[in-house]
Protein backbone atom coordinates (compact mmCIF):
# COMPACT_ATOMS: atom_id res chain seq x y z
CA MET A 1 -12.74 17.18 -13.46
CA ILE A 2 -11.29 16.29 -10.09
CA GLY A 3 -14.38 17.73 -8.42
CA VAL A 4 -16.62 15.61 -10.65
CA VAL A 5 -14.91 12.28 -9.89
CA LEU A 6 -14.74 13.01 -6.15
CA LEU A 7 -18.17 14.54 -5.53
CA LEU A 8 -20.55 13.22 -8.20
CA PRO A 9 -20.41 9.56 -7.02
CA ILE A 10 -21.16 10.71 -3.46
CA ALA A 11 -24.19 12.70 -4.64
CA LEU A 12 -25.45 9.81 -6.77
CA GLY A 13 -24.96 7.37 -3.91
CA LEU A 14 -26.97 9.51 -1.53
CA LEU A 15 -29.70 9.90 -4.15
CA SER A 16 -29.81 6.13 -4.58
CA VAL A 17 -30.23 5.55 -0.85
CA LEU A 18 -32.90 8.22 -0.50
CA THR A 19 -35.05 6.92 -3.36
CA LYS A 20 -34.40 3.17 -3.06
CA ASN A 21 -35.62 2.94 -6.63
CA LYS A 22 -34.15 0.28 -8.92
CA ILE A 23 -34.07 2.57 -11.95
CA VAL A 24 -32.31 5.32 -10.00
CA ASN A 25 -29.88 2.77 -8.56
CA ARG A 26 -28.83 1.55 -11.97
CA ILE A 27 -28.63 5.02 -13.47
CA ALA A 28 -26.40 6.09 -10.55
CA LEU A 29 -24.12 3.07 -10.94
CA ILE A 30 -23.84 3.04 -14.73
CA GLY A 31 -23.84 6.84 -14.98
CA SER A 32 -20.95 7.29 -12.57
CA ALA A 33 -18.95 4.60 -14.41
CA VAL A 34 -19.53 6.40 -17.72
CA VAL A 35 -18.39 9.67 -16.13
CA TYR A 36 -15.17 8.05 -14.92
CA VAL A 37 -14.40 6.64 -18.36
CA VAL A 38 -15.17 9.99 -20.02
CA VAL A 39 -12.98 11.90 -17.56
CA ALA A 40 -10.10 9.47 -18.11
CA ALA A 41 -10.46 9.84 -21.90
CA ALA A 42 -10.64 13.62 -21.63
CA ARG A 43 -7.48 13.79 -19.56
CA TRP A 44 -5.70 11.58 -22.10
CA MET A 45 -6.61 14.23 -24.67
CA ASN A 46 -5.30 16.95 -22.31
CA VAL A 47 -8.77 18.40 -21.70
CA GLU A 48 -8.84 20.04 -18.28
CA TRP A 49 -11.40 22.06 -16.34
CA ASP A 50 -12.41 22.31 -12.71
CA TRP A 51 -14.44 24.46 -10.40
CA LEU A 52 -12.92 23.51 -7.06
CA PRO A 53 -10.99 26.18 -5.10
CA ALA A 54 -7.31 26.43 -6.04
CA TRP A 55 -6.16 25.59 -2.51
CA LEU A 56 -8.13 22.32 -2.59
CA LEU A 57 -6.72 21.37 -5.98
CA THR A 58 -3.22 21.46 -4.52
CA TYR A 59 -4.14 18.25 -2.67
CA PHE A 60 -5.37 16.40 -5.76
CA GLN A 61 -3.75 16.14 -9.16
CA PHE A 62 -3.91 14.17 -12.40
CA ASP A 63 -0.18 13.67 -12.76
CA THR A 64 1.14 11.18 -15.34
CA ILE A 65 1.23 8.06 -13.21
CA GLY A 66 -1.97 9.01 -11.39
CA LEU A 67 -3.81 9.35 -14.70
CA TYR A 68 -2.58 5.93 -15.76
CA PHE A 69 -3.83 4.18 -12.61
CA PHE A 70 -7.06 6.20 -12.72
CA SER A 71 -7.64 5.06 -16.31
CA VAL A 72 -7.14 1.40 -15.38
CA MET A 73 -9.57 1.80 -12.47
CA ALA A 74 -12.13 3.51 -14.73
CA ILE A 75 -12.04 0.62 -17.21
CA VAL A 76 -12.42 -1.98 -14.46
CA TYR A 77 -15.17 0.04 -12.76
CA GLY A 78 -17.09 0.38 -16.03
CA SER A 79 -17.06 -3.39 -16.54
CA VAL A 80 -18.05 -4.07 -12.93
CA ALA A 81 -20.95 -1.59 -13.12
CA ALA A 82 -22.30 -3.34 -16.21
CA TYR A 83 -21.88 -6.81 -14.67
CA SER A 84 -23.62 -5.68 -11.48
CA ILE A 85 -26.92 -5.53 -13.38
CA PHE A 86 -26.67 -9.30 -13.81
CA TYR A 87 -25.73 -9.63 -10.13
CA PHE A 88 -28.88 -7.71 -9.13
CA LYS A 89 -31.07 -10.00 -11.22
CA GLU A 90 -29.31 -13.19 -10.18
CA HIS A 91 -29.81 -12.48 -6.47
CA ASN A 92 -33.21 -10.85 -6.95
CA LEU A 93 -32.22 -7.86 -4.84
CA SER A 94 -34.85 -5.43 -3.60
CA GLY A 95 -34.63 -1.71 -4.32
CA LYS A 96 -33.27 -1.15 -0.80
CA GLN A 97 -30.61 -3.82 -1.16
CA GLU A 98 -29.56 -2.44 -4.52
CA SER A 99 -29.26 1.09 -3.10
CA ILE A 100 -27.02 -0.16 -0.28
CA TYR A 101 -24.82 -1.94 -2.81
CA VAL A 102 -24.67 1.13 -5.04
CA ILE A 103 -23.75 3.63 -2.31
CA GLU A 104 -21.06 1.30 -0.96
CA ILE A 105 -19.58 0.82 -4.45
CA LEU A 106 -19.67 4.56 -5.19
CA PHE A 107 -18.07 5.54 -1.89
CA PHE A 108 -15.45 2.82 -2.43
CA ILE A 109 -14.64 4.26 -5.87
CA VAL A 110 -14.30 7.75 -4.41
CA ALA A 111 -11.92 6.47 -1.72
CA MET A 112 -9.72 4.75 -4.32
CA THR A 113 -9.83 7.89 -6.47
CA GLY A 114 -8.61 9.88 -3.49
CA VAL A 115 -5.68 7.50 -3.04
CA ILE A 116 -4.74 7.77 -6.72
CA LEU A 117 -5.02 11.55 -7.00
CA SER A 118 -3.62 12.59 -3.60
CA THR A 119 -0.53 14.78 -3.75
CA HIS A 120 0.01 14.67 0.01
CA LEU A 121 1.30 11.58 1.85
CA ALA A 122 -0.92 12.00 4.93
CA LEU A 123 -4.01 12.57 2.78
CA LEU A 124 -3.19 9.44 0.81
CA TRP A 125 -3.07 7.53 4.09
CA VAL A 126 -6.55 8.83 5.04
CA PHE A 127 -8.06 7.59 1.79
CA VAL A 128 -6.32 4.20 2.10
CA GLU A 129 -7.94 3.81 5.51
CA ALA A 130 -11.29 4.80 4.00
CA THR A 131 -11.01 2.06 1.38
CA THR A 132 -10.58 -0.48 4.18
CA LEU A 133 -13.71 0.54 6.05
CA ILE A 134 -15.92 0.77 2.96
CA SER A 135 -14.70 -2.37 1.23
CA ALA A 136 -15.29 -4.37 4.43
CA LEU A 137 -18.99 -3.58 4.07
CA LEU A 138 -18.90 -4.80 0.48
CA ILE A 139 -17.20 -8.06 1.49
CA TYR A 140 -20.01 -8.64 4.02
CA PHE A 141 -22.74 -7.58 1.58
CA GLU A 142 -24.27 -11.06 1.22
CA LYS A 143 -24.38 -11.38 5.03
CA LYS A 144 -23.17 -14.96 5.25
CA LYS A 145 -21.22 -16.31 8.22
CA SER A 146 -18.16 -16.92 6.05
CA SER A 147 -18.32 -13.40 4.59
CA LEU A 148 -18.60 -11.92 8.11
CA GLU A 149 -15.47 -13.79 9.17
CA ALA A 150 -13.65 -12.65 6.03
CA ALA A 151 -14.70 -9.02 6.60
CA TRP A 152 -13.51 -8.99 10.22
CA LYS A 153 -10.24 -10.65 9.27
CA TYR A 154 -9.78 -8.07 6.53
CA VAL A 155 -10.48 -5.12 8.82
CA PHE A 156 -8.29 -6.44 11.62
CA ILE A 157 -5.22 -7.21 9.52
CA CYS A 158 -5.43 -4.19 7.23
CA SER A 159 -6.09 -1.79 10.12
CA ILE A 160 -2.91 -2.97 11.81
CA GLY A 161 -1.06 -2.52 8.54
CA ILE A 162 -2.43 0.98 8.01
CA ALA A 163 -1.50 1.86 11.61
CA LEU A 164 2.07 0.81 10.88
CA ALA A 165 2.04 2.97 7.76
CA PHE A 166 0.92 5.91 9.90
CA VAL A 167 3.87 5.30 12.22
CA GLY A 168 6.10 5.34 9.15
CA ILE A 169 4.69 8.72 8.10
CA ILE A 170 5.43 10.12 11.56
CA ILE A 171 9.01 8.83 11.36
CA LEU A 172 9.38 10.36 7.90
CA SER A 173 8.14 13.67 9.31
CA ILE A 174 10.85 13.51 11.95
CA GLY A 175 13.53 12.88 9.37
CA SER A 176 12.29 15.67 7.09
CA ARG A 177 11.19 18.21 9.69
CA HIS A 178 13.27 20.97 8.10
CA ILE A 179 11.34 20.43 4.84
CA ASP A 180 8.09 21.01 6.75
CA SER A 181 5.94 19.39 4.05
CA LEU A 182 4.52 15.99 3.16
CA PHE A 183 3.57 16.97 -0.37
CA PHE A 184 5.22 14.53 -2.74
CA LYS A 185 6.63 17.29 -4.94
CA ASP A 186 8.45 18.80 -1.95
CA LEU A 187 9.68 15.41 -0.73
CA TYR A 188 11.01 14.60 -4.22
CA ALA A 189 12.66 17.98 -4.73
CA ARG A 190 14.44 17.91 -1.37
CA ALA A 191 14.79 14.15 -0.87
CA SER A 192 18.55 14.41 -0.46
CA GLU A 193 18.00 16.58 2.65
CA ILE A 194 16.05 13.88 4.48
CA ASN A 195 18.03 12.06 7.15
CA PRO A 196 18.85 8.64 5.61
CA PHE A 197 18.39 6.76 8.88
CA TRP A 198 14.88 8.10 9.47
CA LEU A 199 14.00 7.68 5.80
CA LYS A 200 14.94 3.99 5.85
CA ALA A 201 13.17 3.45 9.16
CA SER A 202 10.02 5.10 7.84
CA PHE A 203 10.06 3.01 4.69
CA ALA A 204 10.15 -0.22 6.70
CA PHE A 205 6.86 0.75 8.39
CA ILE A 206 5.20 2.16 5.28
CA PHE A 207 6.31 -0.83 3.22
CA VAL A 208 4.74 -3.30 5.66
CA GLY A 209 1.64 -1.13 6.09
CA LEU A 210 0.83 -0.61 2.43
CA GLY A 211 2.16 -4.08 1.58
CA THR A 212 -0.54 -5.50 3.84
CA LYS A 213 -3.15 -3.62 1.83
CA ILE A 214 -1.59 -4.81 -1.44
CA GLY A 215 -1.70 -8.39 -0.23
CA VAL A 216 1.88 -9.52 -0.80
CA ALA A 217 3.37 -12.36 1.24
CA PRO A 218 3.87 -12.82 4.12
CA ILE A 219 1.25 -10.18 4.99
CA HIS A 220 -1.44 -11.54 2.70
CA ALA A 221 -3.61 -13.57 5.08
CA TRP A 222 -6.74 -11.45 4.56
CA LEU A 223 -6.74 -11.54 0.77
CA PRO A 224 -7.79 -15.14 -0.08
CA ASP A 225 -10.76 -15.01 2.32
CA ALA A 226 -11.91 -11.51 1.32
CA HIS A 227 -11.68 -12.08 -2.42
CA SER A 228 -13.36 -15.48 -2.28
CA GLU A 229 -16.23 -14.42 -0.03
CA ALA A 230 -17.07 -11.05 -1.59
CA PRO A 231 -19.69 -10.82 -4.37
CA SER A 232 -18.04 -11.53 -7.73
CA PRO A 233 -18.20 -7.91 -9.03
CA VAL A 234 -16.76 -6.70 -5.72
CA SER A 235 -13.95 -9.25 -5.98
CA ALA A 236 -13.21 -7.84 -9.44
CA LEU A 237 -12.90 -4.34 -7.96
CA LEU A 238 -10.79 -5.51 -5.03
CA SER A 239 -8.27 -7.26 -7.25
CA GLY A 240 -8.45 -5.02 -10.31
CA ALA A 241 -8.54 -1.62 -8.60
CA LEU A 242 -7.98 -1.65 -4.82
CA LEU A 243 -4.64 -3.46 -4.93
CA ASN A 244 -3.47 -1.01 -7.62
CA SER A 245 -4.35 2.06 -5.59
CA ALA A 246 -2.35 0.85 -2.57
CA PHE A 247 0.47 -0.17 -4.92
CA LEU A 248 0.54 3.35 -6.38
CA GLY A 249 0.84 4.76 -2.88
CA LEU A 250 3.92 2.62 -2.31
CA LEU A 251 5.33 3.66 -5.70
CA ARG A 252 5.04 7.31 -4.70
CA VAL A 253 7.01 6.59 -1.53
CA GLN A 254 9.55 4.69 -3.63
CA GLY A 255 9.94 7.91 -5.62
CA ILE A 256 11.39 9.57 -2.52
CA PHE A 257 14.11 6.91 -2.33
CA ILE A 258 14.90 7.25 -6.01
CA HIS A 259 15.33 11.01 -5.69
CA ALA A 260 17.39 10.52 -2.53
CA GLY A 261 19.66 7.98 -4.22
CA LEU A 262 18.74 5.31 -1.66
CA ASP A 263 16.66 3.09 -3.91
CA GLY A 264 19.13 0.22 -3.46
CA PHE A 265 17.72 -0.24 0.05
CA SER A 266 14.08 -0.18 -0.99
CA ASN A 267 14.72 -2.28 -4.11
CA PHE A 268 16.06 -5.11 -1.96
CA LEU A 269 12.84 -5.18 0.09
CA PHE A 270 10.76 -5.15 -3.08
CA LEU A 271 12.77 -8.03 -4.57
CA ILE A 272 12.61 -10.28 -1.50
CA THR A 273 8.91 -9.66 -0.97
CA GLY A 274 8.16 -10.22 -4.64
CA PHE A 275 9.84 -13.62 -4.75
CA LEU A 276 8.29 -14.64 -1.44
CA SER A 277 4.84 -13.82 -2.86
CA LEU A 278 5.51 -15.95 -5.92
CA MET A 279 6.70 -18.83 -3.75
CA VAL A 280 3.63 -18.70 -1.50
CA SER A 281 1.32 -18.56 -4.53
CA ALA A 282 3.10 -21.50 -6.15
CA VAL A 283 2.82 -23.65 -3.03
CA PHE A 284 -0.86 -22.96 -2.45
CA MET A 285 -1.87 -23.04 -6.13
CA LEU A 286 -1.26 -26.80 -6.20
CA ARG A 287 -3.51 -27.45 -3.20
CA LEU A 288 -6.50 -25.18 -3.74
CA LYS A 289 -10.02 -26.60 -3.95
CA ASN A 290 -11.90 -23.29 -4.33
CA TYR A 291 -11.69 -21.50 -7.70
CA LYS A 292 -12.27 -18.03 -6.24
CA ARG A 293 -9.45 -18.60 -3.75
CA MET A 294 -7.35 -19.73 -6.71
CA LEU A 295 -7.93 -16.33 -8.32
CA ALA A 296 -7.05 -14.63 -5.02
CA TYR A 297 -3.68 -16.40 -4.86
CA SER A 298 -3.15 -15.42 -8.49
CA SER A 299 -3.50 -11.81 -7.33
CA ILE A 300 -0.82 -12.37 -4.70
CA GLU A 301 1.41 -13.80 -7.42
CA ASN A 302 0.89 -10.88 -9.77
CA MET A 303 1.41 -8.22 -7.12
CA GLY A 304 4.64 -10.03 -6.20
CA PHE A 305 5.62 -9.91 -9.85
CA LEU A 306 5.05 -6.14 -9.82
CA PHE A 307 7.27 -5.84 -6.74
CA ILE A 308 10.04 -7.67 -8.59
CA GLY A 309 9.65 -5.27 -11.50
CA VAL A 310 9.95 -2.24 -9.22
CA SER A 311 13.12 -3.69 -7.68
CA LEU A 312 14.76 -3.72 -11.12
CA GLY A 313 14.66 0.06 -11.36
CA LYS A 314 14.39 1.90 -14.65
CA TYR A 315 14.60 -1.31 -16.67
CA GLY A 316 11.52 -2.74 -14.98
CA PHE A 317 9.13 0.20 -14.71
CA PHE A 318 7.66 -0.14 -18.20
CA ALA A 319 6.96 -3.82 -17.55
CA VAL A 320 5.40 -2.94 -14.18
CA LEU A 321 2.95 -0.51 -15.78
CA LEU A 322 2.04 -2.86 -18.61
CA HIS A 323 1.58 -5.78 -16.22
CA THR A 324 -0.58 -3.65 -13.92
CA LEU A 325 -3.02 -3.07 -16.77
CA SER A 326 -2.89 -6.69 -17.92
CA HIS A 327 -3.47 -8.10 -14.45
CA SER A 328 -6.30 -5.70 -13.62
CA LEU A 329 -8.30 -6.35 -16.77
CA SER A 330 -7.75 -10.11 -16.95
CA LYS A 331 -8.36 -10.66 -13.22
CA ALA A 332 -11.53 -8.56 -13.28
CA SER A 333 -12.68 -10.70 -16.20
CA LEU A 334 -11.89 -13.89 -14.29
CA PHE A 335 -13.73 -12.84 -11.13
CA MET A 336 -16.83 -11.76 -13.06
CA THR A 337 -16.78 -15.01 -15.02
CA SER A 338 -16.48 -16.89 -11.72
CA GLY A 339 -19.80 -15.26 -10.85
CA ASN A 340 -21.32 -16.94 -13.90
CA ILE A 341 -19.88 -20.28 -12.80
CA LEU A 342 -21.26 -19.83 -9.31
CA HIS A 343 -24.66 -19.02 -10.80
CA LEU A 344 -24.62 -22.18 -12.93
CA TYR A 345 -23.16 -24.69 -10.46
CA LYS A 346 -24.05 -23.17 -7.07
CA THR A 347 -20.61 -24.10 -5.72
CA LYS A 348 -17.11 -22.67 -5.45
CA LYS A 349 -15.41 -26.07 -5.35
CA ILE A 350 -13.24 -26.92 -8.33
CA ASP A 351 -14.04 -30.65 -8.10
CA GLU A 352 -17.78 -29.97 -8.41
CA VAL A 353 -17.50 -28.02 -11.67
CA ASN A 354 -17.20 -30.10 -14.85
CA GLY A 355 -18.09 -29.64 -18.49
CA LEU A 356 -18.32 -25.87 -18.34
CA LEU A 357 -17.91 -25.58 -22.11
CA LYS A 358 -20.98 -27.78 -22.61
CA THR A 359 -23.03 -26.23 -19.85
CA ASP A 360 -22.48 -22.66 -21.03
CA PRO A 361 -19.97 -22.30 -23.91
CA ARG A 362 -19.69 -18.52 -23.63
CA THR A 363 -18.80 -18.68 -19.94
CA GLY A 364 -16.42 -21.57 -20.64
CA TRP A 365 -14.51 -19.76 -23.36
CA LEU A 366 -14.34 -16.56 -21.31
CA TRP A 367 -12.94 -18.61 -18.41
CA ILE A 368 -10.28 -20.20 -20.60
CA THR A 369 -9.36 -17.01 -22.47
CA ALA A 370 -9.07 -14.91 -19.32
CA THR A 371 -6.85 -17.60 -17.78
CA LEU A 372 -4.57 -17.51 -20.82
CA ALA A 373 -4.46 -13.72 -20.45
CA ILE A 374 -3.45 -13.82 -16.78
CA ILE A 375 -0.73 -16.47 -17.19
CA GLY A 376 0.83 -14.52 -20.07
CA PHE A 377 -0.02 -16.60 -23.11
CA PRO A 378 0.68 -14.78 -26.42
CA PRO A 379 -0.69 -12.46 -27.74
CA PHE A 380 -1.80 -11.05 -24.38
CA PRO A 381 0.33 -8.21 -22.93
CA ALA A 382 1.21 -10.21 -19.80
CA PHE A 383 3.52 -12.21 -22.06
CA ILE A 384 5.32 -9.00 -23.05
CA SER A 385 5.58 -7.72 -19.47
CA LYS A 386 7.00 -11.03 -18.23
CA PHE A 387 9.49 -11.12 -21.08
CA LEU A 388 10.58 -7.56 -20.23
CA ILE A 389 11.11 -8.51 -16.58
CA ILE A 390 13.35 -11.39 -17.65
CA GLN A 391 15.23 -8.96 -19.89
CA ALA A 392 15.57 -6.52 -16.98
CA PHE A 393 17.29 -9.23 -14.92
CA TRP A 394 19.98 -9.48 -17.59
CA LEU A 395 20.32 -5.71 -17.92
CA ASN A 396 20.81 -5.43 -14.15
CA GLY A 397 23.35 -8.26 -14.06
CA MET A 398 20.93 -10.45 -12.05
CA TYR A 399 20.31 -13.07 -14.74
CA TRP A 400 20.60 -15.92 -12.22
CA LEU A 401 17.29 -14.81 -10.66
CA ALA A 402 15.47 -15.66 -13.89
CA ALA A 403 15.68 -19.38 -13.00
CA PRO A 404 13.61 -19.27 -9.78
CA LEU A 405 11.20 -16.84 -11.46
CA PHE A 406 10.65 -19.32 -14.30
CA LEU A 407 10.18 -22.14 -11.78
CA PHE A 408 7.55 -20.32 -9.74
CA LEU A 409 5.66 -19.16 -12.84
CA LEU A 410 5.72 -22.69 -14.23
CA VAL A 411 4.28 -24.18 -11.03
CA ILE A 412 1.58 -21.49 -10.82
CA THR A 413 0.68 -21.97 -14.49
CA PHE A 414 0.47 -25.73 -14.01
CA GLY A 415 -1.74 -25.43 -10.93
CA MET A 416 -4.09 -22.78 -12.30
CA GLY A 417 -4.18 -24.20 -15.81
CA GLY A 418 -4.92 -27.70 -14.54
CA ALA A 419 -7.87 -26.47 -12.48
CA VAL A 420 -9.30 -24.43 -15.35
CA PHE A 421 -8.84 -27.34 -17.80
CA LYS A 422 -10.66 -29.73 -15.43
CA MET A 423 -13.55 -27.30 -14.94
CA SER A 424 -13.93 -26.49 -18.63
CA PHE A 425 -13.78 -29.91 -20.28
CA GLY A 426 -15.48 -33.22 -19.70
CA GLU A 427 -19.13 -34.13 -19.37
CA ALA A 428 -21.52 -31.70 -17.74
CA GLN A 429 -23.19 -32.90 -14.57
CA GLU A 430 -26.88 -33.70 -14.80
CA SER A 431 -27.78 -30.93 -12.39
CA THR A 432 -26.21 -28.35 -14.66
CA THR A 433 -27.45 -29.55 -18.06
CA ILE A 434 -30.72 -27.64 -17.66
CA ASN A 435 -30.74 -24.54 -19.84
CA GLN A 436 -30.15 -21.63 -17.49
CA LYS A 437 -30.47 -18.27 -19.15
CA ILE A 438 -27.75 -15.75 -18.41
CA MET A 439 -28.26 -12.18 -19.59
CA MET A 440 -25.71 -10.50 -21.85
CA HIS A 441 -24.54 -8.30 -18.94
CA ALA A 442 -22.80 -11.43 -17.63
CA TYR A 443 -20.68 -11.82 -20.78
CA ALA A 444 -20.19 -8.43 -22.42
CA PRO A 445 -17.93 -6.77 -19.77
CA GLN A 446 -15.41 -9.65 -19.85
CA PHE A 447 -15.47 -9.74 -23.63
CA VAL A 448 -14.64 -6.02 -23.82
CA LEU A 449 -11.81 -6.33 -21.28
CA LEU A 450 -10.24 -9.26 -23.11
CA LEU A 451 -10.63 -7.50 -26.45
CA ILE A 452 -8.74 -4.50 -25.05
CA LEU A 453 -5.94 -6.82 -23.94
CA ILE A 454 -5.74 -8.53 -27.32
CA VAL A 455 -5.51 -5.16 -29.10
CA LEU A 456 -2.77 -3.98 -26.73
CA GLY A 457 -0.87 -7.25 -27.12
CA THR A 458 -1.02 -7.42 -30.90
CA ASN A 459 -1.02 -3.81 -32.07
CA MET A 460 -0.56 -1.36 -29.23
CA PRO A 461 -1.63 2.14 -30.32
CA LYS A 462 1.28 4.55 -30.55
CA GLN A 463 -0.40 6.97 -28.15
CA VAL A 464 -0.65 4.24 -25.49
CA LEU A 465 2.98 3.21 -26.05
CA ASN A 466 4.20 6.79 -25.73
CA PHE A 467 2.09 7.30 -22.62
CA LEU A 468 3.53 4.15 -21.02
CA ASN A 469 7.06 5.29 -21.81
CA GLY A 470 6.34 8.73 -20.39
CA THR A 471 4.78 7.26 -17.26
CA ALA A 472 7.70 4.87 -16.78
CA GLY A 473 9.99 7.91 -16.83
CA PHE A 474 8.11 9.33 -13.83
CA PHE A 475 10.57 7.62 -11.46
CA GLN A 476 13.77 7.96 -13.50
């Protein structure tokens, strides 16, 4: 199965470019998404087969936490692939343009898959760097001046971050030279033998490097521009899948500290960075005029929330995993719905969008519902994950930190909710009252994602609950 998810998208992407045929393009995109979902489902049912050489399989593995993040990515990718059909029609792309989009998306998915499944720290770094180069092309896909600036800013900042992460890997190699391995299983098993000084020094570099890719404050400058300028389905992948893959890489490094008994050091960095991300998001959320940038700052907030969860140790890991799923699905839904809004109003400015519920009720209700999902309104699972984080503060004797957390979340909810309320209600502008047909591909993916969240929030299947508990125990 590992061979299928790593090689099939590459083959389909090359076929798409060679033929430049719209039918082939769409079969390649939808087909690869279906394969990813099927592979994720098969692994959940413990079905396993592969034809790759054994030595190559040592570098890639569907471990518990990797399968979880792969499954989240597969769900988001499936929805993005379906929504992309609407994007093709909306922009009236030629067969050549579609093939370029498809091969870039497929190579991007392979790079993120490599990050998620890598069992070797240096190999993980290679795939993280690959995601930067490929996703920059996707950000620039529409070839506007603003998207070119966003792409260059993204490449410049993230490349510096990834370079720092590479320095951190070198420092870790120095501190663990007697282990003579960068496989995670070896680093975990012999973590206590790593020189604490070099381990802490390496983490500082890796934390900043991967933190840049994750988009947490204060190393988040690329994220608002990239997410707001990329095509809407690409923005959904960036926020719903790319940030997760880099976050998983940092979690795997955190595992070394946990096994070495030095997680107090790393937890402090996670906690400070998490709260700083929430503070930055809260400040900017009240001043934003662009609804796609608003969603980008929401991503910074939610990744900061995940950092806070990690800092709380074993009491916070379950909440981290649940919130990862909730954020990915709801944010992907929001970004795809923002594509509908952009199609209807031809603007990204919040002040120029009014009466969305009257202009297109389905888009309006998706916009409102997805917003409720991301801010943690019951019965969505983000409510449960946020409640569990508050509980974890008490269990860790850090109950006083719940107050600033509540404050930041309240400000962010007020800012985001106010913007969404203004856009959704009121009288529709004359220019947008004309009946503009939007195909079902522009609604169905978001509806499915939100339905999944409602099911998980109201009646989580026992298998999913057990899997989350088992995955949370990965770092205990």
